Amino acid sequence: MTGKFLPEFELYVMLAVARLGDDAYGAAMRREIEERTGRPVSIGALYATLSRLEEKGLVALQASDPEPGQRGRPRKYCHLTPAGEEAARHSADMLRRMMEGVTWTEAPAAGRR
């Protein structure tokens, strides 16, 4: 099953691509991850991860025509390949299975540890 085990941030990126569908491009993916995880995401880290995922054959990138307001730069739209969809589903399923039956203690109030 080599290639099906995704590091945490790669999984976040792939899940953002899956959630956004045809609207999956850099800034939208960044917002999606930040809003859902509360984790700041640099655009450089996002594009480095997309490049790595593309090399693995898990995502495909396609540049759009430049749009007004983007200083003439094209957006890079992303979609999951069939292998990428399988890898994301596999990792999400493993995480779900690992969490089954876990009992969490009550979170401490803000400021307490």
PDB file of N, CA and C in Angstrom:
ATOM      1  N   MET A   1       0.815  -1.201   0.000  1.00  0.00           N
ATOM      2  CA  MET A   1       0.000   0.000   0.000  1.00  0.00           C
ATOM      3  C   MET A   1       0.855   1.259   0.000  1.00  0.00           C
ATOM      4  N   THR A   2       2.066   1.182  -0.477  1.00  0.00           N
ATOM      5  CA  THR A   2       2.924   2.358  -0.535  1.00  0.00           C
ATOM      6  C   THR A   2       2.234   3.459  -1.323  1.00  0.00           C
ATOM      7  N   GLY A   3       2.348   4.693  -0.848  1.00  0.00           N
ATOM      8  CA  GLY A   3       1.733   5.814  -1.530  1.00  0.00           C
ATOM      9  C   GLY A   3       0.339   6.133  -1.028  1.00  0.00           C
ATOM     10  N   LYS A   4      -0.233   5.263  -0.199  1.00  0.00           N
ATOM     11  CA  LYS A   4      -1.577   5.510   0.318  1.00  0.00           C
ATOM     12  C   LYS A   4      -1.555   6.132   1.702  1.00  0.00           C
ATOM     13  N   PHE A   5      -0.386   6.250   2.298  1.00  0.00           N
ATOM     14  CA  PHE A   5      -0.285   6.810   3.635  1.00  0.00           C
ATOM     15  C   PHE A   5       0.156   8.264   3.518  1.00  0.00           C
ATOM     16  N   LEU A   6      -0.742   9.170   3.837  1.00  0.00           N
ATOM     17  CA  LEU A   6      -0.497  10.589   3.637  1.00  0.00           C
ATOM     18  C   LEU A   6      -0.152  11.295   4.937  1.00  0.00           C
ATOM     19  N   PRO A   7       0.873  12.147   4.907  1.00  0.00           N
ATOM     20  CA  PRO A   7       1.134  13.002   6.074  1.00  0.00           C
ATOM     21  C   PRO A   7      -0.064  13.928   6.294  1.00  0.00           C
ATOM     22  N   GLU A   8      -0.176  14.444   7.499  1.00  0.00           N
ATOM     23  CA  GLU A   8      -1.333  15.252   7.894  1.00  0.00           C
ATOM     24  C   GLU A   8      -1.623  16.408   6.934  1.00  0.00           C
ATOM     25  N   PHE A   9      -0.636  17.229   6.620  1.00  0.00           N
ATOM     26  CA  PHE A   9      -0.908  18.396   5.787  1.00  0.00           C
ATOM     27  C   PHE A   9      -1.287  17.991   4.365  1.00  0.00           C
ATOM     28  N   GLU A  10      -0.659  16.940   3.828  1.00  0.00           N
ATOM     29  CA  GLU A  10      -1.049  16.458   2.501  1.00  0.00           C
ATOM     30  C   GLU A  10      -2.509  16.021   2.504  1.00  0.00           C
ATOM     31  N   LEU A  11      -2.939  15.368   3.568  1.00  0.00           N
ATOM     32  CA  LEU A  11      -4.342  14.960   3.667  1.00  0.00           C
ATOM     33  C   LEU A  11      -5.250  16.181   3.727  1.00  0.00           C
ATOM     34  N   TYR A  12      -4.878  17.195   4.495  1.00  0.00           N
ATOM     35  CA  TYR A  12      -5.672  18.431   4.550  1.00  0.00           C
ATOM     36  C   TYR A  12      -5.804  19.042   3.157  1.00  0.00           C
ATOM     37  N   VAL A  13      -4.709  19.095   2.424  1.00  0.00           N
ATOM     38  CA  VAL A  13      -4.730  19.686   1.083  1.00  0.00           C
ATOM     39  C   VAL A  13      -5.651  18.875   0.173  1.00  0.00           C
ATOM     40  N   MET A  14      -5.520  17.565   0.212  1.00  0.00           N
ATOM     41  CA  MET A  14      -6.340  16.724  -0.658  1.00  0.00           C
ATOM     42  C   MET A  14      -7.818  16.799  -0.287  1.00  0.00           C
ATOM     43  N   LEU A  15      -8.114  16.882   0.997  1.00  0.00           N
ATOM     44  CA  LEU A  15      -9.507  17.026   1.410  1.00  0.00           C
ATOM     45  C   LEU A  15     -10.064  18.391   0.994  1.00  0.00           C
ATOM     46  N   ALA A  16      -9.241  19.419   1.038  1.00  0.00           N
ATOM     47  CA  ALA A  16      -9.675  20.741   0.563  1.00  0.00           C
ATOM     48  C   ALA A  16      -9.976  20.684  -0.930  1.00  0.00           C
ATOM     49  N   VAL A  17      -9.137  20.009  -1.695  1.00  0.00           N
ATOM     50  CA  VAL A  17      -9.373  19.854  -3.137  1.00  0.00           C
ATOM     51  C   VAL A  17     -10.696  19.122  -3.366  1.00  0.00           C
ATOM     52  N   ALA A  18     -10.918  18.060  -2.622  1.00  0.00           N
ATOM     53  CA  ALA A  18     -12.156  17.298  -2.778  1.00  0.00           C
ATOM     54  C   ALA A  18     -13.377  18.140  -2.413  1.00  0.00           C
ATOM     55  N   ARG A  19     -13.292  18.912  -1.340  1.00  0.00           N
ATOM     56  CA  ARG A  19     -14.421  19.747  -0.895  1.00  0.00           C
ATOM     57  C   ARG A  19     -14.724  20.853  -1.893  1.00  0.00           C
ATOM     58  N   LEU A  20     -13.679  21.460  -2.464  1.00  0.00           N
ATOM     59  CA  LEU A  20     -13.864  22.613  -3.343  1.00  0.00           C
ATOM     60  C   LEU A  20     -14.230  22.241  -4.778  1.00  0.00           C
ATOM     61  N   GLY A  21     -13.958  21.016  -5.174  1.00  0.00           N
ATOM     62  CA  GLY A  21     -14.309  20.578  -6.525  1.00  0.00           C
ATOM     63  C   GLY A  21     -13.670  21.457  -7.591  1.00  0.00           C
ATOM     64  N   ASP A  22     -14.497  21.979  -8.506  1.00  0.00           N
ATOM     65  CA  ASP A  22     -13.996  22.786  -9.618  1.00  0.00           C
ATOM     66  C   ASP A  22     -13.414  24.124  -9.171  1.00  0.00           C
ATOM     67  N   ASP A  23     -13.646  24.520  -7.926  1.00  0.00           N
ATOM     68  CA  ASP A  23     -13.129  25.788  -7.416  1.00  0.00           C
ATOM     69  C   ASP A  23     -11.838  25.623  -6.618  1.00  0.00           C
ATOM     70  N   ALA A  24     -11.148  24.503  -6.788  1.00  0.00           N
ATOM     71  CA  ALA A  24      -9.924  24.237  -6.017  1.00  0.00           C
ATOM     72  C   ALA A  24      -8.719  24.906  -6.678  1.00  0.00           C
ATOM     73  N   TYR A  25      -8.358  26.059  -6.150  1.00  0.00           N
ATOM     74  CA  TYR A  25      -7.140  26.757  -6.558  1.00  0.00           C
ATOM     75  C   TYR A  25      -6.490  27.279  -5.289  1.00  0.00           C
ATOM     76  N   GLY A  26      -5.263  27.744  -5.376  1.00  0.00           N
ATOM     77  CA  GLY A  26      -4.431  28.072  -4.222  1.00  0.00           C
ATOM     78  C   GLY A  26      -5.101  28.841  -3.100  1.00  0.00           C
ATOM     79  N   ALA A  27      -5.598  30.043  -3.395  1.00  0.00           N
ATOM     80  CA  ALA A  27      -6.165  30.890  -2.336  1.00  0.00           C
ATOM     81  C   ALA A  27      -7.405  30.257  -1.715  1.00  0.00           C
ATOM     82  N   ALA A  28      -8.225  29.615  -2.526  1.00  0.00           N
ATOM     83  CA  ALA A  28      -9.438  28.973  -1.995  1.00  0.00           C
ATOM     84  C   ALA A  28      -9.077  27.786  -1.102  1.00  0.00           C
ATOM     85  N   MET A  29      -8.072  27.005  -1.514  1.00  0.00           N
ATOM     86  CA  MET A  29      -7.639  25.864  -0.694  1.00  0.00           C
ATOM     87  C   MET A  29      -7.044  26.353   0.618  1.00  0.00           C
ATOM     88  N   ARG A  30      -6.259  27.403   0.533  1.00  0.00           N
ATOM     89  CA  ARG A  30      -5.659  27.980   1.742  1.00  0.00           C
ATOM     90  C   ARG A  30      -6.739  28.397   2.732  1.00  0.00           C
ATOM     91  N   ARG A  31      -7.750  29.129   2.258  1.00  0.00           N
ATOM     92  CA  ARG A  31      -8.860  29.565   3.122  1.00  0.00           C
ATOM     93  C   ARG A  31      -9.594  28.369   3.727  1.00  0.00           C
ATOM     94  N   GLU A  32      -9.864  27.367   2.903  1.00  0.00           N
ATOM     95  CA  GLU A  32     -10.593  26.174   3.356  1.00  0.00           C
ATOM     96  C   GLU A  32      -9.846  25.490   4.497  1.00  0.00           C
ATOM     97  N   ILE A  33      -8.559  25.301   4.337  1.00  0.00           N
ATOM     98  CA  ILE A  33      -7.765  24.631   5.373  1.00  0.00           C
ATOM     99  C   ILE A  33      -7.704  25.488   6.636  1.00  0.00           C
ATOM    100  N   GLU A  34      -7.443  26.780   6.480  1.00  0.00           N
ATOM    101  CA  GLU A  34      -7.345  27.665   7.645  1.00  0.00           C
ATOM    102  C   GLU A  34      -8.673  27.730   8.406  1.00  0.00           C
ATOM    103  N   GLU A  35      -9.790  27.842   7.683  1.00  0.00           N
ATOM    104  CA  GLU A  35     -11.096  27.938   8.348  1.00  0.00           C
ATOM    105  C   GLU A  35     -11.468  26.649   9.074  1.00  0.00           C
ATOM    106  N   ARG A  36     -11.139  25.509   8.495  1.00  0.00           N
ATOM    107  CA  ARG A  36     -11.552  24.230   9.082  1.00  0.00           C
ATOM    108  C   ARG A  36     -10.609  23.730  10.169  1.00  0.00           C
ATOM    109  N   THR A  37      -9.316  24.102  10.082  1.00  0.00           N
ATOM    110  CA  THR A  37      -8.354  23.589  11.059  1.00  0.00           C
ATOM    111  C   THR A  37      -7.910  24.637  12.064  1.00  0.00           C
ATOM    112  N   GLY A  38      -8.095  25.914  11.745  1.00  0.00           N
ATOM    113  CA  GLY A  38      -7.581  26.975  12.604  1.00  0.00           C
ATOM    114  C   GLY A  38      -6.071  27.108  12.506  1.00  0.00           C
ATOM    115  N   ARG A  39      -5.494  26.444  11.537  1.00  0.00           N
ATOM    116  CA  ARG A  39      -4.042  26.413  11.345  1.00  0.00           C
ATOM    117  C   ARG A  39      -3.663  27.391  10.241  1.00  0.00           C
ATOM    118  N   PRO A  40      -2.703  28.304  10.490  1.00  0.00           N
ATOM    119  CA  PRO A  40      -2.275  29.199   9.407  1.00  0.00           C
ATOM    120  C   PRO A  40      -1.545  28.410   8.319  1.00  0.00           C
ATOM    121  N   VAL A  41      -1.775  28.786   7.083  1.00  0.00           N
ATOM    122  CA  VAL A  41      -1.174  28.086   5.948  1.00  0.00           C
ATOM    123  C   VAL A  41      -0.485  29.108   5.051  1.00  0.00           C
ATOM    124  N   SER A  42       0.799  28.927   4.824  1.00  0.00           N
ATOM    125  CA  SER A  42       1.499  29.814   3.886  1.00  0.00           C
ATOM    126  C   SER A  42       1.226  29.300   2.478  1.00  0.00           C
ATOM    127  N   ILE A  43       1.089  30.240   1.552  1.00  0.00           N
ATOM    128  CA  ILE A  43       0.821  29.851   0.167  1.00  0.00           C
ATOM    129  C   ILE A  43       1.998  29.063  -0.397  1.00  0.00           C
ATOM    130  N   GLY A  44       3.228  29.369   0.068  1.00  0.00           N
ATOM    131  CA  GLY A  44       4.405  28.621  -0.374  1.00  0.00           C
ATOM    132  C   GLY A  44       4.356  27.162   0.052  1.00  0.00           C
ATOM    133  N   ALA A  45       3.951  26.917   1.310  1.00  0.00           N
ATOM    134  CA  ALA A  45       3.834  25.540   1.797  1.00  0.00           C
ATOM    135  C   ALA A  45       2.746  24.794   1.034  1.00  0.00           C
ATOM    136  N   LEU A  46       1.667  25.498   0.724  1.00  0.00           N
ATOM    137  CA  LEU A  46       0.570  24.871  -0.019  1.00  0.00           C
ATOM    138  C   LEU A  46       1.048  24.447  -1.405  1.00  0.00           C
ATOM    139  N   TYR A  47       1.719  25.356  -2.133  1.00  0.00           N
ATOM    140  CA  TYR A  47       2.164  25.013  -3.479  1.00  0.00           C
ATOM    141  C   TYR A  47       3.284  23.977  -3.475  1.00  0.00           C
ATOM    142  N   ALA A  48       4.140  23.975  -2.467  1.00  0.00           N
ATOM    143  CA  ALA A  48       5.166  22.928  -2.356  1.00  0.00           C
ATOM    144  C   ALA A  48       4.500  21.568  -2.162  1.00  0.00           C
ATOM    145  N   THR A  49       3.444  21.542  -1.348  1.00  0.00           N
ATOM    146  CA  THR A  49       2.716  20.296  -1.102  1.00  0.00           C
ATOM    147  C   THR A  49       1.994  19.850  -2.365  1.00  0.00           C
ATOM    148  N   LEU A  50       1.367  20.787  -3.080  1.00  0.00           N
ATOM    149  CA  LEU A  50       0.694  20.434  -4.337  1.00  0.00           C
ATOM    150  C   LEU A  50       1.689  19.871  -5.342  1.00  0.00           C
ATOM    151  N   SER A  51       2.881  20.440  -5.409  1.00  0.00           N
ATOM    152  CA  SER A  51       3.910  19.948  -6.319  1.00  0.00           C
ATOM    153  C   SER A  51       4.302  18.512  -5.964  1.00  0.00           C
ATOM    154  N   ARG A  52       4.473  18.257  -4.670  1.00  0.00           N
ATOM    155  CA  ARG A  52       4.825  16.914  -4.194  1.00  0.00           C
ATOM    156  C   ARG A  52       3.703  15.930  -4.530  1.00  0.00           C
ATOM    157  N   LEU A  53       2.449  16.337  -4.306  1.00  0.00           N
ATOM    158  CA  LEU A  53       1.306  15.472  -4.601  1.00  0.00           C
ATOM    159  C   LEU A  53       1.192  15.205  -6.099  1.00  0.00           C
ATOM    160  N   GLU A  54       1.512  16.218  -6.900  1.00  0.00           N
ATOM    161  CA  GLU A  54       1.479  16.036  -8.354  1.00  0.00           C
ATOM    162  C   GLU A  54       2.555  15.025  -8.783  1.00  0.00           C
ATOM    163  N   GLU A  55       3.753  15.128  -8.194  1.00  0.00           N
ATOM    164  CA  GLU A  55       4.831  14.177  -8.500  1.00  0.00           C
ATOM    165  C   GLU A  55       4.434  12.753  -8.140  1.00  0.00           C
ATOM    166  N   LYS A  56       3.644  12.600  -7.080  1.00  0.00           N
ATOM    167  CA  LYS A  56       3.175  11.278  -6.650  1.00  0.00           C
ATOM    168  C   LYS A  56       2.004  10.782  -7.501  1.00  0.00           C
ATOM    169  N   GLY A  57       1.474  11.649  -8.382  1.00  0.00           N
ATOM    170  CA  GLY A  57       0.348  11.260  -9.220  1.00  0.00           C
ATOM    171  C   GLY A  57      -0.996  11.317  -8.505  1.00  0.00           C
ATOM    172  N   LEU A  58      -1.060  12.071  -7.396  1.00  0.00           N
ATOM    173  CA  LEU A  58      -2.293  12.117  -6.606  1.00  0.00           C
ATOM    174  C   LEU A  58      -3.179  13.312  -6.947  1.00  0.00           C
ATOM    175  N   VAL A  59      -2.589  14.360  -7.506  1.00  0.00           N
ATOM    176  CA  VAL A  59      -3.356  15.513  -7.972  1.00  0.00           C
ATOM    177  C   VAL A  59      -2.850  15.909  -9.350  1.00  0.00           C
ATOM    178  N   ALA A  60      -3.694  16.627 -10.080  1.00  0.00           N
ATOM    179  CA  ALA A  60      -3.301  17.205 -11.370  1.00  0.00           C
ATOM    180  C   ALA A  60      -3.587  18.695 -11.297  1.00  0.00           C
ATOM    181  N   LEU A  61      -2.650  19.493 -11.779  1.00  0.00           N
ATOM    182  CA  LEU A  61      -2.799  20.943 -11.795  1.00  0.00           C
ATOM    183  C   LEU A  61      -3.005  21.407 -13.227  1.00  0.00           C
ATOM    184  N   GLN A  62      -3.860  22.417 -13.375  1.00  0.00           N
ATOM    185  CA  GLN A  62      -4.105  22.991 -14.691  1.00  0.00           C
ATOM    186  C   GLN A  62      -4.220  24.496 -14.543  1.00  0.00           C
ATOM    187  N   ALA A  63      -3.415  25.227 -15.308  1.00  0.00           N
ATOM    188  CA  ALA A  63      -3.447  26.690 -15.249  1.00  0.00           C
ATOM    189  C   ALA A  63      -4.623  27.211 -16.063  1.00  0.00           C
ATOM    190  N   SER A  64      -5.292  28.223 -15.514  1.00  0.00           N
ATOM    191  CA  SER A  64      -6.393  28.876 -16.219  1.00  0.00           C
ATOM    192  C   SER A  64      -5.835  30.018 -17.052  1.00  0.00           C
ATOM    193  N   ASP A  65      -6.692  30.608 -17.851  1.00  0.00           N
ATOM    194  CA  ASP A  65      -6.315  31.843 -18.531  1.00  0.00           C
ATOM    195  C   ASP A  65      -6.214  32.931 -17.471  1.00  0.00           C
ATOM    196  N   PRO A  66      -5.300  33.883 -17.651  1.00  0.00           N
ATOM    197  CA  PRO A  66      -5.196  34.984 -16.680  1.00  0.00           C
ATOM    198  C   PRO A  66      -6.535  35.730 -16.577  1.00  0.00           C
ATOM    199  N   GLU A  67      -6.894  36.110 -15.361  1.00  0.00           N
ATOM    200  CA  GLU A  67      -8.132  36.845 -15.125  1.00  0.00           C
ATOM    201  C   GLU A  67      -7.807  38.247 -14.670  1.00  0.00           C
ATOM    202  N   PRO A  68      -8.680  39.204 -15.011  1.00  0.00           N
ATOM    203  CA  PRO A  68      -8.460  40.566 -14.517  1.00  0.00           C
ATOM    204  C   PRO A  68      -8.435  40.571 -12.987  1.00  0.00           C
ATOM    205  N   GLY A  69      -7.611  41.419 -12.415  1.00  0.00           N
ATOM    206  CA  GLY A  69      -7.542  41.508 -10.954  1.00  0.00           C
ATOM    207  C   GLY A  69      -6.497  40.600 -10.349  1.00  0.00           C
ATOM    208  N   GLN A  70      -5.897  39.749 -11.137  1.00  0.00           N
ATOM    209  CA  GLN A  70      -4.855  38.854 -10.638  1.00  0.00           C
ATOM    210  C   GLN A  70      -3.483  39.267 -11.169  1.00  0.00           C
ATOM    211  N   ARG A  71      -3.387  40.494 -11.623  1.00  0.00           N
ATOM    212  CA  ARG A  71      -2.136  41.009 -12.188  1.00  0.00           C
ATOM    213  C   ARG A  71      -1.662  40.150 -13.357  1.00  0.00           C
ATOM    214  N   GLY A  72      -2.614  39.607 -14.093  1.00  0.00           N
ATOM    215  CA  GLY A  72      -2.284  38.826 -15.280  1.00  0.00           C
ATOM    216  C   GLY A  72      -1.809  37.418 -15.024  1.00  0.00           C
ATOM    217  N   ARG A  73      -1.846  36.973 -13.767  1.00  0.00           N
ATOM    218  CA  ARG A  73      -1.381  35.615 -13.448  1.00  0.00           C
ATOM    219  C   ARG A  73      -2.529  34.624 -13.567  1.00  0.00           C
ATOM    220  N   PRO A  74      -2.268  33.465 -14.154  1.00  0.00           N
ATOM    221  CA  PRO A  74      -3.320  32.443 -14.205  1.00  0.00           C
ATOM    222  C   PRO A  74      -3.459  31.742 -12.852  1.00  0.00           C
ATOM    223  N   ARG A  75      -4.647  31.271 -12.579  1.00  0.00           N
ATOM    224  CA  ARG A  75      -4.844  30.437 -11.391  1.00  0.00           C
ATOM    225  C   ARG A  75      -4.447  29.020 -11.748  1.00  0.00           C
ATOM    226  N   LYS A  76      -3.937  28.295 -10.749  1.00  0.00           N
ATOM    227  CA  LYS A  76      -3.645  26.875 -10.936  1.00  0.00           C
ATOM    228  C   LYS A  76      -4.759  26.089 -10.260  1.00  0.00           C
ATOM    229  N   TYR A  77      -5.637  25.536 -11.067  1.00  0.00           N
ATOM    230  CA  TYR A  77      -6.720  24.721 -10.540  1.00  0.00           C
ATOM    231  C   TYR A  77      -6.221  23.304 -10.337  1.00  0.00           C
ATOM    232  N   CYS A  78      -6.792  22.639  -9.377  1.00  0.00           N
ATOM    233  CA  CYS A  78      -6.323  21.326  -8.962  1.00  0.00           C
ATOM    234  C   CYS A  78      -7.490  20.361  -8.882  1.00  0.00           C
ATOM    235  N   HIS A  79      -7.245  19.121  -9.218  1.00  0.00           N
ATOM    236  CA  HIS A  79      -8.241  18.082  -8.957  1.00  0.00           C
ATOM    237  C   HIS A  79      -7.514  16.797  -8.568  1.00  0.00           C
ATOM    238  N   LEU A  80      -8.234  15.956  -7.839  1.00  0.00           N
ATOM    239  CA  LEU A  80      -7.676  14.674  -7.437  1.00  0.00           C
ATOM    240  C   LEU A  80      -7.685  13.724  -8.621  1.00  0.00           C
ATOM    241  N   THR A  81      -6.623  12.978  -8.770  1.00  0.00           N
ATOM    242  CA  THR A  81      -6.602  11.892  -9.747  1.00  0.00           C
ATOM    243  C   THR A  81      -7.339  10.705  -9.108  1.00  0.00           C
ATOM    244  N   PRO A  82      -7.659   9.686  -9.883  1.00  0.00           N
ATOM    245  CA  PRO A  82      -8.264   8.498  -9.260  1.00  0.00           C
ATOM    246  C   PRO A  82      -7.387   7.927  -8.133  1.00  0.00           C
ATOM    247  N   ALA A  83      -6.069   7.905  -8.320  1.00  0.00           N
ATOM    248  CA  ALA A  83      -5.169   7.426  -7.263  1.00  0.00           C
ATOM    249  C   ALA A  83      -5.217   8.354  -6.055  1.00  0.00           C
ATOM    250  N   GLY A  84      -5.347   9.666  -6.296  1.00  0.00           N
ATOM    251  CA  GLY A  84      -5.434  10.629  -5.211  1.00  0.00           C
ATOM    252  C   GLY A  84      -6.712  10.477  -4.418  1.00  0.00           C
ATOM    253  N   GLU A  85      -7.808  10.258  -5.127  1.00  0.00           N
ATOM    254  CA  GLU A  85      -9.080  10.051  -4.432  1.00  0.00           C
ATOM    255  C   GLU A  85      -9.015   8.795  -3.566  1.00  0.00           C
ATOM    256  N   GLU A  86      -8.424   7.751  -4.092  1.00  0.00           N
ATOM    257  CA  GLU A  86      -8.284   6.505  -3.325  1.00  0.00           C
ATOM    258  C   GLU A  86      -7.387   6.715  -2.100  1.00  0.00           C
ATOM    259  N   ALA A  87      -6.271   7.424  -2.270  1.00  0.00           N
ATOM    260  CA  ALA A  87      -5.344   7.668  -1.155  1.00  0.00           C
ATOM    261  C   ALA A  87      -5.998   8.530  -0.076  1.00  0.00           C
ATOM    262  N   ALA A  88      -6.723   9.572  -0.471  1.00  0.00           N
ATOM    263  CA  ALA A  88      -7.390  10.442   0.503  1.00  0.00           C
ATOM    264  C   ALA A  88      -8.469   9.664   1.259  1.00  0.00           C
ATOM    265  N   ARG A  89      -9.254   8.882   0.533  1.00  0.00           N
ATOM    266  CA  ARG A  89     -10.301   8.081   1.175  1.00  0.00           C
ATOM    267  C   ARG A  89      -9.686   7.068   2.141  1.00  0.00           C
ATOM    268  N   HIS A  90      -8.597   6.433   1.722  1.00  0.00           N
ATOM    269  CA  HIS A  90      -7.931   5.439   2.563  1.00  0.00           C
ATOM    270  C   HIS A  90      -7.410   6.080   3.854  1.00  0.00           C
ATOM    271  N   SER A  91      -6.734   7.226   3.741  1.00  0.00           N
ATOM    272  CA  SER A  91      -6.195   7.897   4.923  1.00  0.00           C
ATOM    273  C   SER A  91      -7.303   8.372   5.852  1.00  0.00           C
ATOM    274  N   ALA A  92      -8.368   8.932   5.279  1.00  0.00           N
ATOM    275  CA  ALA A  92      -9.495   9.391   6.099  1.00  0.00           C
ATOM    276  C   ALA A  92     -10.161   8.222   6.805  1.00  0.00           C
ATOM    277  N   ASP A  93     -10.312   7.103   6.113  1.00  0.00           N
ATOM    278  CA  ASP A  93     -10.910   5.911   6.729  1.00  0.00           C
ATOM    279  C   ASP A  93     -10.043   5.379   7.867  1.00  0.00           C
ATOM    280  N   MET A  94      -8.727   5.361   7.666  1.00  0.00           N
ATOM    281  CA  MET A  94      -7.827   4.893   8.731  1.00  0.00           C
ATOM    282  C   MET A  94      -7.949   5.785   9.955  1.00  0.00           C
ATOM    283  N   LEU A  95      -7.991   7.095   9.741  1.00  0.00           N
ATOM    284  CA  LEU A  95      -8.119   8.039  10.847  1.00  0.00           C
ATOM    285  C   LEU A  95      -9.442   7.819  11.584  1.00  0.00           C
ATOM    286  N   ARG A  96     -10.510   7.651  10.827  1.00  0.00           N
ATOM    287  CA  ARG A  96     -11.827   7.385  11.440  1.00  0.00           C
ATOM    288  C   ARG A  96     -11.791   6.106  12.283  1.00  0.00           C
ATOM    289  N   ARG A  97     -11.181   5.045  11.734  1.00  0.00           N
ATOM    290  CA  ARG A  97     -11.100   3.776  12.474  1.00  0.00           C
ATOM    291  C   ARG A  97     -10.266   3.914  13.745  1.00  0.00           C
ATOM    292  N   MET A  98      -9.176   4.675  13.670  1.00  0.00           N
ATOM    293  CA  MET A  98      -8.333   4.874  14.845  1.00  0.00           C
ATOM    294  C   MET A  98      -9.069   5.655  15.932  1.00  0.00           C
ATOM    295  N   MET A  99      -9.981   6.526  15.536  1.00  0.00           N
ATOM    296  CA  MET A  99     -10.697   7.353  16.510  1.00  0.00           C
ATOM    297  C   MET A  99     -11.890   6.638  17.130  1.00  0.00           C
ATOM    298  N   GLU A 100     -12.355   5.567  16.510  1.00  0.00           N
ATOM    299  CA  GLU A 100     -13.507   4.835  17.051  1.00  0.00           C
ATOM    300  C   GLU A 100     -13.219   4.379  18.478  1.00  0.00           C
ATOM    301  N   GLY A 101     -14.130   4.675  19.362  1.00  0.00           N
ATOM    302  CA  GLY A 101     -14.022   4.222  20.738  1.00  0.00           C
ATOM    303  C   GLY A 101     -13.128   5.065  21.626  1.00  0.00           C
ATOM    304  N   VAL A 102     -12.508   6.098  21.075  1.00  0.00           N
ATOM    305  CA  VAL A 102     -11.667   6.965  21.901  1.00  0.00           C
ATOM    306  C   VAL A 102     -12.576   7.837  22.754  1.00  0.00           C
ATOM    307  N   THR A 103     -12.281   7.889  24.028  1.00  0.00           N
ATOM    308  CA  THR A 103     -13.028   8.742  24.939  1.00  0.00           C
ATOM    309  C   THR A 103     -12.125   9.907  25.324  1.00  0.00           C
ATOM    310  N   TRP A 104     -12.584  11.102  25.032  1.00  0.00           N
ATOM    311  CA  TRP A 104     -11.799  12.294  25.333  1.00  0.00           C
ATOM    312  C   TRP A 104     -12.204  12.833  26.691  1.00  0.00           C
ATOM    313  N   THR A 105     -11.220  13.303  27.425  1.00  0.00           N
ATOM    314  CA  THR A 105     -11.527  13.972  28.687  1.00  0.00           C
ATOM    315  C   THR A 105     -11.988  15.374  28.353  1.00  0.00           C
ATOM    316  N   GLU A 106     -12.661  16.001  29.290  1.00  0.00           N
ATOM    317  CA  GLU A 106     -13.130  17.361  29.068  1.00  0.00           C
ATOM    318  C   GLU A 106     -11.938  18.290  28.891  1.00  0.00           C
ATOM    319  N   ALA A 107     -12.025  19.160  27.895  1.00  0.00           N
ATOM    320  CA  ALA A 107     -10.957  20.109  27.622  1.00  0.00           C
ATOM    321  C   ALA A 107     -10.886  21.108  28.758  1.00  0.00           C
ATOM    322  N   PRO A 108      -9.678  21.482  29.180  1.00  0.00           N
ATOM    323  CA  PRO A 108      -9.563  22.486  30.252  1.00  0.00           C
ATOM    324  C   PRO A 108     -10.066  23.842  29.745  1.00  0.00           C
ATOM    325  N   ALA A 109     -10.555  24.648  30.685  1.00  0.00           N
ATOM    326  CA  ALA A 109     -11.006  25.996  30.340  1.00  0.00           C
ATOM    327  C   ALA A 109      -9.812  26.799  29.838  1.00  0.00           C
ATOM    328  N   ALA A 110     -10.087  27.804  29.041  1.00  0.00           N
ATOM    329  CA  ALA A 110      -9.017  28.639  28.486  1.00  0.00           C
ATOM    330  C   ALA A 110      -8.139  29.181  29.616  1.00  0.00           C
ATOM    331  N   GLY A 111      -6.850  29.103  29.407  1.00  0.00           N
ATOM    332  CA  GLY A 111      -5.915  29.631  30.413  1.00  0.00           C
ATOM    333  C   GLY A 111      -5.480  28.601  31.448  1.00  0.00           C
ATOM    334  N   ARG A 112      -6.188  27.458  31.527  1.00  0.00           N
ATOM    335  CA  ARG A 112      -5.790  26.395  32.480  1.00  0.00           C
ATOM    336  C   ARG A 112      -5.166  25.256  31.721  1.00  0.00           C
ATOM    337  N   ARG A 113      -4.299  24.536  32.397  1.00  0.00           N
ATOM    338  CA  ARG A 113      -3.690  23.350  31.778  1.00  0.00           C
ATOM    339  C   ARG A 113      -3.898  22.152  32.623  1.00  0.00           C
TER     340      ARG A 113
END
